[in-house]
PDB file of all heavy atoms in Angstrom:
ATOM      1  N   GLY A   1      -1.623  -6.607   5.044  1.00  0.00           N
ATOM      2  CA  GLY A   1      -2.249  -7.595   5.918  1.00  0.00           C
ATOM      3  C   GLY A   1      -1.490  -7.738   7.220  1.00  0.00           C
ATOM      4  O   GLY A   1      -2.083  -7.795   8.306  1.00  0.00           O
ATOM      5  N   LEU A   2      -0.171  -7.770   7.142  1.00  0.00           N
ATOM      6  CA  LEU A   2       0.663  -7.874   8.333  1.00  0.00           C
ATOM      7  C   LEU A   2       0.457  -6.665   9.239  1.00  0.00           C
ATOM      8  O   LEU A   2       0.294  -6.806  10.463  1.00  0.00           O
ATOM      9  CB  LEU A   2       2.142  -7.994   7.932  1.00  0.00           C
ATOM     10  CG  LEU A   2       3.153  -8.046   9.068  1.00  0.00           C
ATOM     11  CD1 LEU A   2       2.969  -9.320   9.892  1.00  0.00           C
ATOM     12  CD2 LEU A   2       4.567  -7.973   8.514  1.00  0.00           C
ATOM     13  N   SER A   3       0.435  -5.488   8.644  1.00  0.00           N
ATOM     14  CA  SER A   3       0.259  -4.283   9.461  1.00  0.00           C
ATOM     15  C   SER A   3      -1.107  -4.253  10.126  1.00  0.00           C
ATOM     16  O   SER A   3      -1.244  -3.792  11.254  1.00  0.00           O
ATOM     17  CB  SER A   3       0.478  -3.022   8.620  1.00  0.00           C
ATOM     18  OG  SER A   3      -0.560  -2.841   7.687  1.00  0.00           O
ATOM     19  N   SER A   4      -2.130  -4.768   9.450  1.00  0.00           N
ATOM     20  CA  SER A   4      -3.471  -4.766  10.052  1.00  0.00           C
ATOM     21  C   SER A   4      -3.548  -5.749  11.223  1.00  0.00           C
ATOM     22  O   SER A   4      -4.325  -5.547  12.150  1.00  0.00           O
ATOM     23  CB  SER A   4      -4.543  -5.066   9.009  1.00  0.00           C
ATOM     24  OG  SER A   4      -4.435  -6.390   8.551  1.00  0.00           O
ATOM     25  N   LEU A   5      -2.732  -6.809  11.187  1.00  0.00           N
ATOM     26  CA  LEU A   5      -2.687  -7.738  12.322  1.00  0.00           C
ATOM     27  C   LEU A   5      -2.197  -7.050  13.591  1.00  0.00           C
ATOM     28  O   LEU A   5      -2.528  -7.457  14.697  1.00  0.00           O
ATOM     29  CB  LEU A   5      -1.777  -8.932  12.011  1.00  0.00           C
ATOM     30  CG  LEU A   5      -2.273  -9.923  10.970  1.00  0.00           C
ATOM     31  CD1 LEU A   5      -1.210 -10.982  10.695  1.00  0.00           C
ATOM     32  CD2 LEU A   5      -3.574 -10.567  11.412  1.00  0.00           C
ATOM     33  N   PHE A   6      -1.400  -6.005  13.404  1.00  0.00           N
ATOM     34  CA  PHE A   6      -0.878  -5.256  14.539  1.00  0.00           C
ATOM     35  C   PHE A   6      -1.754  -4.040  14.861  1.00  0.00           C
ATOM     36  O   PHE A   6      -1.344  -3.159  15.616  1.00  0.00           O
ATOM     37  CB  PHE A   6       0.562  -4.810  14.268  1.00  0.00           C
ATOM     38  CG  PHE A   6       1.536  -5.941  14.327  1.00  0.00           C
ATOM     39  CD1 PHE A   6       1.863  -6.654  13.177  1.00  0.00           C
ATOM     40  CD2 PHE A   6       2.107  -6.331  15.525  1.00  0.00           C
ATOM     41  CE1 PHE A   6       2.759  -7.711  13.223  1.00  0.00           C
ATOM     42  CE2 PHE A   6       2.996  -7.385  15.590  1.00  0.00           C
ATOM     43  CZ  PHE A   6       3.324  -8.088  14.435  1.00  0.00           C
ATOM     44  N   GLY A   7      -2.935  -3.986  14.256  1.00  0.00           N
ATOM     45  CA  GLY A   7      -3.897  -2.932  14.564  1.00  0.00           C
ATOM     46  C   GLY A   7      -3.645  -1.605  13.894  1.00  0.00           C
ATOM     47  O   GLY A   7      -4.230  -0.600  14.277  1.00  0.00           O
ATOM     48  N   SER A   8      -2.800  -1.563  12.883  1.00  0.00           N
ATOM     49  CA  SER A   8      -2.507  -0.307  12.199  1.00  0.00           C
ATOM     50  C   SER A   8      -3.683   0.099  11.326  1.00  0.00           C
ATOM     51  O   SER A   8      -4.154  -0.671  10.498  1.00  0.00           O
ATOM     52  CB  SER A   8      -1.254  -0.462  11.332  1.00  0.00           C
ATOM     53  OG  SER A   8      -1.045   0.696  10.567  1.00  0.00           O
ATOM     54  N   THR A   9      -4.161   1.329  11.511  1.00  0.00           N
ATOM     55  CA  THR A   9      -5.277   1.808  10.695  1.00  0.00           C
ATOM     56  C   THR A   9      -4.794   2.508   9.430  1.00  0.00           C
ATOM     57  O   THR A   9      -5.559   2.685   8.494  1.00  0.00           O
ATOM     58  CB  THR A   9      -6.172   2.771  11.495  1.00  0.00           C
ATOM     59  OG1 THR A   9      -5.353   3.845  11.999  1.00  0.00           O
ATOM     60  CG2 THR A   9      -6.853   2.040  12.640  1.00  0.00           C
ATOM     61  N   ASP A  10      -3.528   2.918   9.394  1.00  0.00           N
ATOM     62  CA  ASP A  10      -2.996   3.532   8.165  1.00  0.00           C
ATOM     63  C   ASP A  10      -2.100   2.545   7.421  1.00  0.00           C
ATOM     64  O   ASP A  10      -1.423   2.903   6.471  1.00  0.00           O
ATOM     65  CB  ASP A  10      -2.242   4.827   8.457  1.00  0.00           C
ATOM     66  CG  ASP A  10      -0.873   4.610   9.071  1.00  0.00           C
ATOM     67  OD1 ASP A  10      -0.610   3.517   9.611  1.00  0.00           O
ATOM     68  OD2 ASP A  10      -0.056   5.542   9.002  1.00  0.00           O
ATOM     69  N   TYR A  11      -2.137   1.276   7.852  1.00  0.00           N
ATOM     70  CA  TYR A  11      -1.372   0.203   7.214  1.00  0.00           C
ATOM     71  C   TYR A  11       0.111   0.553   7.113  1.00  0.00           C
ATOM     72  O   TYR A  11       0.737   0.384   6.096  1.00  0.00           O
ATOM     73  CB  TYR A  11      -1.959  -0.154   5.846  1.00  0.00           C
ATOM     74  CG  TYR A  11      -3.400  -0.560   5.948  1.00  0.00           C
ATOM     75  CD1 TYR A  11      -4.407   0.291   5.527  1.00  0.00           C
ATOM     76  CD2 TYR A  11      -3.751  -1.781   6.503  1.00  0.00           C
ATOM     77  CE1 TYR A  11      -5.748  -0.080   5.642  1.00  0.00           C
ATOM     78  CE2 TYR A  11      -5.080  -2.154   6.624  1.00  0.00           C
ATOM     79  CZ  TYR A  11      -6.061  -1.300   6.193  1.00  0.00           C
ATOM     80  OH  TYR A  11      -7.374  -1.668   6.311  1.00  0.00           O
ATOM     81  N   TRP A  12       0.658   1.069   8.191  1.00  0.00           N
ATOM     82  CA  TRP A  12       2.068   1.429   8.309  1.00  0.00           C
ATOM     83  C   TRP A  12       2.537   2.313   7.160  1.00  0.00           C
ATOM     84  O   TRP A  12       3.580   2.107   6.565  1.00  0.00           O
ATOM     85  CB  TRP A  12       2.937   0.200   8.433  1.00  0.00           C
ATOM     86  CG  TRP A  12       2.794  -0.527   9.729  1.00  0.00           C
ATOM     87  CD1 TRP A  12       2.242  -0.057  10.892  1.00  0.00           C
ATOM     88  CD2 TRP A  12       3.195  -1.858  10.013  1.00  0.00           C
ATOM     89  NE1 TRP A  12       2.270  -1.014  11.849  1.00  0.00           N
ATOM     90  CE2 TRP A  12       2.853  -2.132  11.350  1.00  0.00           C
ATOM     91  CE3 TRP A  12       3.803  -2.843   9.270  1.00  0.00           C
ATOM     92  CZ2 TRP A  12       3.106  -3.345  11.940  1.00  0.00           C
ATOM     93  CZ3 TRP A  12       4.055  -4.054   9.866  1.00  0.00           C
ATOM     94  CH2 TRP A  12       3.717  -4.289  11.193  1.00  0.00           C
ATOM     95  N   GLY A  13       1.747   3.292   6.812  1.00  0.00           N
ATOM     96  CA  GLY A  13       2.167   4.286   5.830  1.00  0.00           C
ATOM     97  C   GLY A  13       1.477   4.223   4.483  1.00  0.00           C
ATOM     98  O   GLY A  13       1.592   5.135   3.690  1.00  0.00           O
ATOM     99  N   PHE A  14       0.748   3.144   4.210  1.00  0.00           N
ATOM    100  CA  PHE A  14       0.114   3.043   2.901  1.00  0.00           C
ATOM    101  C   PHE A  14      -1.204   3.806   2.810  1.00  0.00           C
ATOM    102  O   PHE A  14      -1.668   4.121   1.746  1.00  0.00           O
ATOM    103  CB  PHE A  14      -0.128   1.576   2.514  1.00  0.00           C
ATOM    104  CG  PHE A  14       1.124   0.846   2.111  1.00  0.00           C
ATOM    105  CD1 PHE A  14       1.684  -0.105   2.944  1.00  0.00           C
ATOM    106  CD2 PHE A  14       1.747   1.121   0.915  1.00  0.00           C
ATOM    107  CE1 PHE A  14       2.843  -0.787   2.582  1.00  0.00           C
ATOM    108  CE2 PHE A  14       2.901   0.457   0.541  1.00  0.00           C
ATOM    109  CZ  PHE A  14       3.443  -0.488   1.381  1.00  0.00           C
ATOM    110  N   GLY A  15      -1.841   4.102   3.922  1.00  0.00           N
ATOM    111  CA  GLY A  15      -3.080   4.860   3.915  1.00  0.00           C
ATOM    112  C   GLY A  15      -4.313   3.984   3.800  1.00  0.00           C
ATOM    113  O   GLY A  15      -4.246   2.779   4.015  1.00  0.00           O
ATOM    114  N   PRO A  16      -5.477   4.595   3.448  1.00  0.00           N
ATOM    115  CA  PRO A  16      -6.729   3.841   3.335  1.00  0.00           C
ATOM    116  C   PRO A  16      -6.595   2.676   2.345  1.00  0.00           C
ATOM    117  O   PRO A  16      -5.934   2.796   1.320  1.00  0.00           O
ATOM    118  CB  PRO A  16      -7.729   4.882   2.818  1.00  0.00           C
ATOM    119  CG  PRO A  16      -7.136   6.198   3.173  1.00  0.00           C
ATOM    120  CD  PRO A  16      -5.650   6.006   3.155  1.00  0.00           C
ATOM    121  N   PHE A  17      -7.265   1.572   2.650  1.00  0.00           N
ATOM    122  CA  PHE A  17      -7.054   0.325   1.916  1.00  0.00           C
ATOM    123  C   PHE A  17      -7.192   0.466   0.401  1.00  0.00           C
ATOM    124  O   PHE A  17      -6.307   0.051  -0.344  1.00  0.00           O
ATOM    125  CB  PHE A  17      -7.984  -0.782   2.414  1.00  0.00           C
ATOM    126  CG  PHE A  17      -7.738  -2.084   1.697  1.00  0.00           C
ATOM    127  CD1 PHE A  17      -6.664  -2.878   2.058  1.00  0.00           C
ATOM    128  CD2 PHE A  17      -8.540  -2.486   0.645  1.00  0.00           C
ATOM    129  CE1 PHE A  17      -6.403  -4.066   1.396  1.00  0.00           C
ATOM    130  CE2 PHE A  17      -8.291  -3.669  -0.021  1.00  0.00           C
ATOM    131  CZ  PHE A  17      -7.220  -4.467   0.353  1.00  0.00           C
ATOM    132  N   TRP A  18      -8.279   1.018  -0.092  1.00  0.00           N
ATOM    133  CA  TRP A  18      -8.469   1.042  -1.554  1.00  0.00           C
ATOM    134  C   TRP A  18      -7.488   1.971  -2.244  1.00  0.00           C
ATOM    135  O   TRP A  18      -7.069   1.717  -3.371  1.00  0.00           O
ATOM    136  CB  TRP A  18      -9.915   1.362  -1.920  1.00  0.00           C
ATOM    137  CG  TRP A  18     -10.780   0.195  -1.545  1.00  0.00           C
ATOM    138  CD1 TRP A  18     -11.687   0.152  -0.535  1.00  0.00           C
ATOM    139  CD2 TRP A  18     -10.739  -1.114  -2.118  1.00  0.00           C
ATOM    140  NE1 TRP A  18     -12.236  -1.111  -0.454  1.00  0.00           N
ATOM    141  CE2 TRP A  18     -11.673  -1.909  -1.414  1.00  0.00           C
ATOM    142  CE3 TRP A  18     -10.015  -1.713  -3.143  1.00  0.00           C
ATOM    143  CZ2 TRP A  18     -11.905  -3.242  -1.714  1.00  0.00           C
ATOM    144  CZ3 TRP A  18     -10.245  -3.042  -3.445  1.00  0.00           C
ATOM    145  CH2 TRP A  18     -11.178  -3.792  -2.740  1.00  0.00           C
ATOM    146  N   ASP A  19      -7.095   3.031  -1.581  1.00  0.00           N
ATOM    147  CA  ASP A  19      -6.049   3.884  -2.143  1.00  0.00           C
ATOM    148  C   ASP A  19      -4.738   3.124  -2.232  1.00  0.00           C
ATOM    149  O   ASP A  19      -3.992   3.246  -3.204  1.00  0.00           O
ATOM    150  CB  ASP A  19      -5.822   5.133  -1.280  1.00  0.00           C
ATOM    151  CG  ASP A  19      -6.818   6.237  -1.565  1.00  0.00           C
ATOM    152  OD1 ASP A  19      -7.568   6.115  -2.551  1.00  0.00           O
ATOM    153  OD2 ASP A  19      -6.840   7.204  -0.788  1.00  0.00           O
ATOM    154  N   ASN A  20      -4.447   2.327  -1.188  1.00  0.00           N
ATOM    155  CA  ASN A  20      -3.140   1.690  -1.210  1.00  0.00           C
ATOM    156  C   ASN A  20      -3.021   0.601  -2.254  1.00  0.00           C
ATOM    157  O   ASN A  20      -1.930   0.299  -2.694  1.00  0.00           O
ATOM    158  CB  ASN A  20      -2.705   1.220   0.185  1.00  0.00           C
ATOM    159  CG  ASN A  20      -3.607   0.194   0.792  1.00  0.00           C
ATOM    160  OD1 ASN A  20      -4.063  -0.699   0.124  1.00  0.00           O
ATOM    161  ND2 ASN A  20      -3.864   0.340   2.074  1.00  0.00           N
ATOM    162  N   VAL A  21      -4.117   0.030  -2.711  1.00  0.00           N
ATOM    163  CA  VAL A  21      -4.042  -0.918  -3.829  1.00  0.00           C
ATOM    164  C   VAL A  21      -3.548  -0.176  -5.075  1.00  0.00           C
ATOM    165  O   VAL A  21      -2.674  -0.651  -5.802  1.00  0.00           O
ATOM    166  CB  VAL A  21      -5.403  -1.609  -4.085  1.00  0.00           C
ATOM    167  CG1 VAL A  21      -5.370  -2.427  -5.358  1.00  0.00           C
ATOM    168  CG2 VAL A  21      -5.786  -2.487  -2.891  1.00  0.00           C
ATOM    169  N   GLY A  22      -4.071   1.018  -5.296  1.00  0.00           N
ATOM    170  CA  GLY A  22      -3.603   1.850  -6.407  1.00  0.00           C
ATOM    171  C   GLY A  22      -2.168   2.285  -6.238  1.00  0.00           C
ATOM    172  O   GLY A  22      -1.386   2.293  -7.188  1.00  0.00           O
ATOM    173  N   ILE A  23      -1.806   2.639  -5.013  1.00  0.00           N
ATOM    174  CA  ILE A  23      -0.426   3.044  -4.723  1.00  0.00           C
ATOM    175  C   ILE A  23       0.525   1.884  -4.992  1.00  0.00           C
ATOM    176  O   ILE A  23       1.577   2.057  -5.613  1.00  0.00           O
ATOM    177  CB  ILE A  23      -0.297   3.552  -3.264  1.00  0.00           C
ATOM    178  CG1 ILE A  23      -1.018   4.891  -3.125  1.00  0.00           C
ATOM    179  CG2 ILE A  23       1.159   3.665  -2.841  1.00  0.00           C
ATOM    180  CD1 ILE A  23      -1.246   5.342  -1.692  1.00  0.00           C
ATOM    181  N   LEU A  24       0.153   0.689  -4.554  1.00  0.00           N
ATOM    182  CA  LEU A  24       0.993  -0.494  -4.786  1.00  0.00           C
ATOM    183  C   LEU A  24       1.171  -0.746  -6.277  1.00  0.00           C
ATOM    184  O   LEU A  24       2.270  -1.067  -6.731  1.00  0.00           O
ATOM    185  CB  LEU A  24       0.381  -1.727  -4.116  1.00  0.00           C
ATOM    186  CG  LEU A  24       0.393  -1.726  -2.598  1.00  0.00           C
ATOM    187  CD1 LEU A  24      -0.440  -2.882  -2.067  1.00  0.00           C
ATOM    188  CD2 LEU A  24       1.804  -1.769  -2.061  1.00  0.00           C
ATOM    189  N   PHE A  25       0.095  -0.611  -7.036  1.00  0.00           N
ATOM    190  CA  PHE A  25       0.196  -0.797  -8.484  1.00  0.00           C
ATOM    191  C   PHE A  25       1.131   0.243  -9.087  1.00  0.00           C
ATOM    192  O   PHE A  25       2.005  -0.087  -9.907  1.00  0.00           O
ATOM    193  CB  PHE A  25      -1.177  -0.735  -9.156  1.00  0.00           C
ATOM    194  CG  PHE A  25      -1.091  -0.893 -10.644  1.00  0.00           C
ATOM    195  CD1 PHE A  25      -0.992  -2.155 -11.214  1.00  0.00           C
ATOM    196  CD2 PHE A  25      -1.058   0.217 -11.475  1.00  0.00           C
ATOM    197  CE1 PHE A  25      -0.868  -2.305 -12.590  1.00  0.00           C
ATOM    198  CE2 PHE A  25      -0.938   0.071 -12.852  1.00  0.00           C
ATOM    199  CZ  PHE A  25      -0.851  -1.190 -13.411  1.00  0.00           C
ATOM    200  N   CYS A  26       0.976   1.499  -8.683  1.00  0.00           N
ATOM    201  CA  CYS A  26       1.816   2.572  -9.233  1.00  0.00           C
ATOM    202  C   CYS A  26       3.283   2.372  -8.878  1.00  0.00           C
ATOM    203  O   CYS A  26       4.165   2.551  -9.721  1.00  0.00           O
ATOM    204  CB  CYS A  26       1.330   3.929  -8.740  1.00  0.00           C
ATOM    205  SG  CYS A  26      -0.240   4.453  -9.460  1.00  0.00           S
ATOM    206  N   LEU A  27       3.565   1.994  -7.623  1.00  0.00           N
ATOM    207  CA  LEU A  27       4.947   1.748  -7.218  1.00  0.00           C
ATOM    208  C   LEU A  27       5.558   0.600  -8.020  1.00  0.00           C
ATOM    209  O   LEU A  27       6.678   0.703  -8.523  1.00  0.00           O
ATOM    210  CB  LEU A  27       5.018   1.418  -5.723  1.00  0.00           C
ATOM    211  CG  LEU A  27       4.812   2.553  -4.734  1.00  0.00           C
ATOM    212  CD1 LEU A  27       4.640   1.999  -3.325  1.00  0.00           C
ATOM    213  CD2 LEU A  27       5.963   3.546  -4.797  1.00  0.00           C
ATOM    214  N   SER A  28       4.804  -0.494  -8.152  1.00  0.00           N
ATOM    215  CA  SER A  28       5.313  -1.701  -8.821  1.00  0.00           C
ATOM    216  C   SER A  28       5.442  -1.505 -10.328  1.00  0.00           C
ATOM    217  O   SER A  28       6.501  -1.777 -10.903  1.00  0.00           O
ATOM    218  CB  SER A  28       4.385  -2.888  -8.533  1.00  0.00           C
ATOM    219  OG  SER A  28       4.286  -3.113  -7.161  1.00  0.00           O
ATOM    220  N   PHE A  29       4.373  -1.044 -10.957  1.00  0.00           N
ATOM    221  CA  PHE A  29       4.427  -0.802 -12.393  1.00  0.00           C
ATOM    222  C   PHE A  29       5.433   0.298 -12.697  1.00  0.00           C
ATOM    223  O   PHE A  29       6.192   0.217 -13.670  1.00  0.00           O
ATOM    224  CB  PHE A  29       3.044  -0.430 -12.950  1.00  0.00           C
ATOM    225  CG  PHE A  29       3.086  -0.020 -14.388  1.00  0.00           C
ATOM    226  CD1 PHE A  29       3.176  -0.982 -15.376  1.00  0.00           C
ATOM    227  CD2 PHE A  29       3.075   1.320 -14.747  1.00  0.00           C
ATOM    228  CE1 PHE A  29       3.246  -0.603 -16.723  1.00  0.00           C
ATOM    229  CE2 PHE A  29       3.145   1.699 -16.079  1.00  0.00           C
ATOM    230  CZ  PHE A  29       3.234   0.731 -17.062  1.00  0.00           C
ATOM    231  N   GLY A  30       5.448   1.333 -11.865  1.00  0.00           N
ATOM    232  CA  GLY A  30       6.375   2.445 -12.067  1.00  0.00           C
ATOM    233  C   GLY A  30       7.825   2.010 -12.037  1.00  0.00           C
ATOM    234  O   GLY A  30       8.650   2.513 -12.804  1.00  0.00           O
ATOM    235  N   ALA A  31       8.148   1.045 -11.167  1.00  0.00           N
ATOM    236  CA  ALA A  31       9.521   0.526 -11.114  1.00  0.00           C
ATOM    237  C   ALA A  31       9.912  -0.094 -12.448  1.00  0.00           C
ATOM    238  O   ALA A  31      11.008   0.140 -12.966  1.00  0.00           O
ATOM    239  CB  ALA A  31       9.653  -0.497  -9.992  1.00  0.00           C
ATOM    240  N   LEU A  32       9.002  -0.863 -13.023  1.00  0.00           N
ATOM    241  CA  LEU A  32       9.296  -1.505 -14.310  1.00  0.00           C
ATOM    242  C   LEU A  32       9.248  -0.503 -15.458  1.00  0.00           C
ATOM    243  O   LEU A  32      10.019  -0.604 -16.410  1.00  0.00           O
ATOM    244  CB  LEU A  32       8.333  -2.665 -14.540  1.00  0.00           C
ATOM    245  CG  LEU A  32       8.538  -3.799 -13.534  1.00  0.00           C
ATOM    246  CD1 LEU A  32       7.418  -4.813 -13.629  1.00  0.00           C
ATOM    247  CD2 LEU A  32       9.884  -4.461 -13.732  1.00  0.00           C
ATOM    248  N   PHE A  33       8.357   0.482 -15.353  1.00  0.00           N
ATOM    249  CA  PHE A  33       8.320   1.557 -16.344  1.00  0.00           C
ATOM    250  C   PHE A  33       9.647   2.303 -16.343  1.00  0.00           C
ATOM    251  O   PHE A  33      10.217   2.599 -17.402  1.00  0.00           O
ATOM    252  CB  PHE A  33       7.158   2.519 -16.052  1.00  0.00           C
ATOM    253  CG  PHE A  33       7.157   3.730 -16.937  1.00  0.00           C
ATOM    254  CD1 PHE A  33       6.692   3.650 -18.235  1.00  0.00           C
ATOM    255  CD2 PHE A  33       7.631   4.948 -16.468  1.00  0.00           C
ATOM    256  CE1 PHE A  33       6.704   4.774 -19.059  1.00  0.00           C
ATOM    257  CE2 PHE A  33       7.647   6.072 -17.277  1.00  0.00           C
ATOM    258  CZ  PHE A  33       7.175   5.977 -18.584  1.00  0.00           C
ATOM    259  N   GLY A  34      10.162   2.601 -15.148  1.00  0.00           N
ATOM    260  CA  GLY A  34      11.452   3.284 -15.033  1.00  0.00           C
ATOM    261  C   GLY A  34      12.580   2.454 -15.613  1.00  0.00           C
ATOM    262  O   GLY A  34      13.475   2.977 -16.278  1.00  0.00           O
TER     263      GLY A  34
END
């Protein structure tokens, strides 16, 4: 959300919005899995 306020279309590295929800889940769950 912060990155979109600054007009970022790739959300400062996260990519397209729906993909990045999955990426966020994988990063977060993966940290706890590890």
